[in-house]
Protein backbone atom coordinates (compact mmCIF):
# COMPACT_ATOMS: atom_id res chain seq x y z
CA MET A 1 66.81 49.14 163.89
CA LYS A 2 67.57 45.68 162.66
CA ARG A 3 70.98 44.21 163.34
CA ASN A 4 73.29 43.61 160.41
CA THR A 5 73.19 39.81 160.42
CA LEU A 6 74.59 39.41 156.89
CA LYS A 7 77.85 41.23 157.73
CA GLN A 8 77.24 43.74 154.92
CA GLN A 9 79.50 46.72 154.47
CA SER A 10 78.07 50.12 155.00
CA HIS A 11 77.34 52.19 151.89
CA SER A 12 80.25 54.56 152.52
CA ARG A 13 82.77 51.69 152.49
CA LEU A 14 81.66 50.14 149.18
CA VAL A 15 84.12 50.29 146.30
CA TYR A 16 82.58 51.47 143.05
CA ALA A 17 83.28 49.42 139.94
CA GLN A 18 83.23 52.52 137.73
CA PRO A 19 86.15 54.88 138.23
CA GLN A 20 85.17 58.19 139.73
CA TRP A 21 86.26 60.43 136.88
CA ALA A 22 85.39 64.01 136.31
CA LEU A 23 82.72 64.66 133.70
CA PHE A 24 85.06 66.00 131.02
CA GLU A 25 87.50 63.12 131.47
CA ARG A 26 84.66 60.66 130.84
CA MET A 27 83.51 62.64 127.81
CA GLU A 28 87.02 62.64 126.36
CA TYR A 29 87.40 58.89 126.97
CA VAL A 30 84.08 58.11 125.22
CA ASP A 31 85.05 60.39 122.36
CA LYS A 32 88.26 58.41 121.85
CA LEU A 33 86.33 55.13 121.85
CA TYR A 34 83.39 55.95 119.60
CA ASN A 35 83.91 59.16 117.63
CA GLN A 36 87.18 58.60 115.83
CA PRO A 37 87.01 59.24 112.08
CA LYS A 38 87.20 56.22 109.83
CA SER A 39 89.58 56.02 106.91
CA ILE A 40 87.99 56.93 103.59
CA ASP A 41 88.26 54.60 100.62
CA PHE A 42 88.29 57.11 97.77
CA VAL A 43 88.33 54.44 95.06
CA ASN A 44 85.20 52.82 96.47
CA GLN A 45 83.48 56.21 96.78
CA GLN A 46 84.30 57.01 93.16
CA VAL A 47 82.87 53.68 91.97
CA LEU A 48 79.67 54.21 93.96
CA HIS A 49 79.31 57.73 92.58
CA GLN A 50 79.72 56.48 89.02
CA GLN A 51 77.11 53.77 89.58
CA ARG A 52 74.64 56.28 90.99
CA SER A 53 75.17 58.69 88.16
CA GLN A 54 74.73 55.96 85.54
CA ASN A 55 71.45 54.74 87.04
CA LEU A 56 69.87 58.19 87.04
CA ILE A 57 66.66 58.34 84.97
CA GLU A 58 64.73 61.56 84.70
CA LEU A 59 61.02 61.73 83.97
CA THR A 60 59.37 65.03 83.27
CA ALA A 61 55.95 65.82 84.65
CA GLU A 62 54.35 65.30 81.25
CA ASP A 63 55.95 61.85 80.85
CA PHE A 64 55.09 60.70 84.37
CA THR A 65 52.67 57.93 83.51
CA GLU A 66 52.36 54.39 84.77
CA SER A 67 53.88 52.85 81.66
CA ASN A 68 56.85 55.28 81.60
CA LEU A 69 57.43 54.71 85.30
CA LEU A 70 57.45 50.92 84.89
CA ASN A 71 59.83 51.22 81.93
CA ALA A 72 62.19 53.36 83.99
CA VAL A 73 62.21 50.87 86.85
């Protein structure tokens, strides 16, 4: 075997940068960071719903022609 000339620590003595948590503790921590519900802006949702409902144009199968489609767009 080669001598340790670089004065490196053995693998068992290394300190890990990541804490050694149990699996469920890590899952709970990640859940707190990324999966928290966001507050809902009901006024903004209502405005968006009204805009979508106003822009709704229906074409029947009989009226589905190129000219009617361009007029709808």
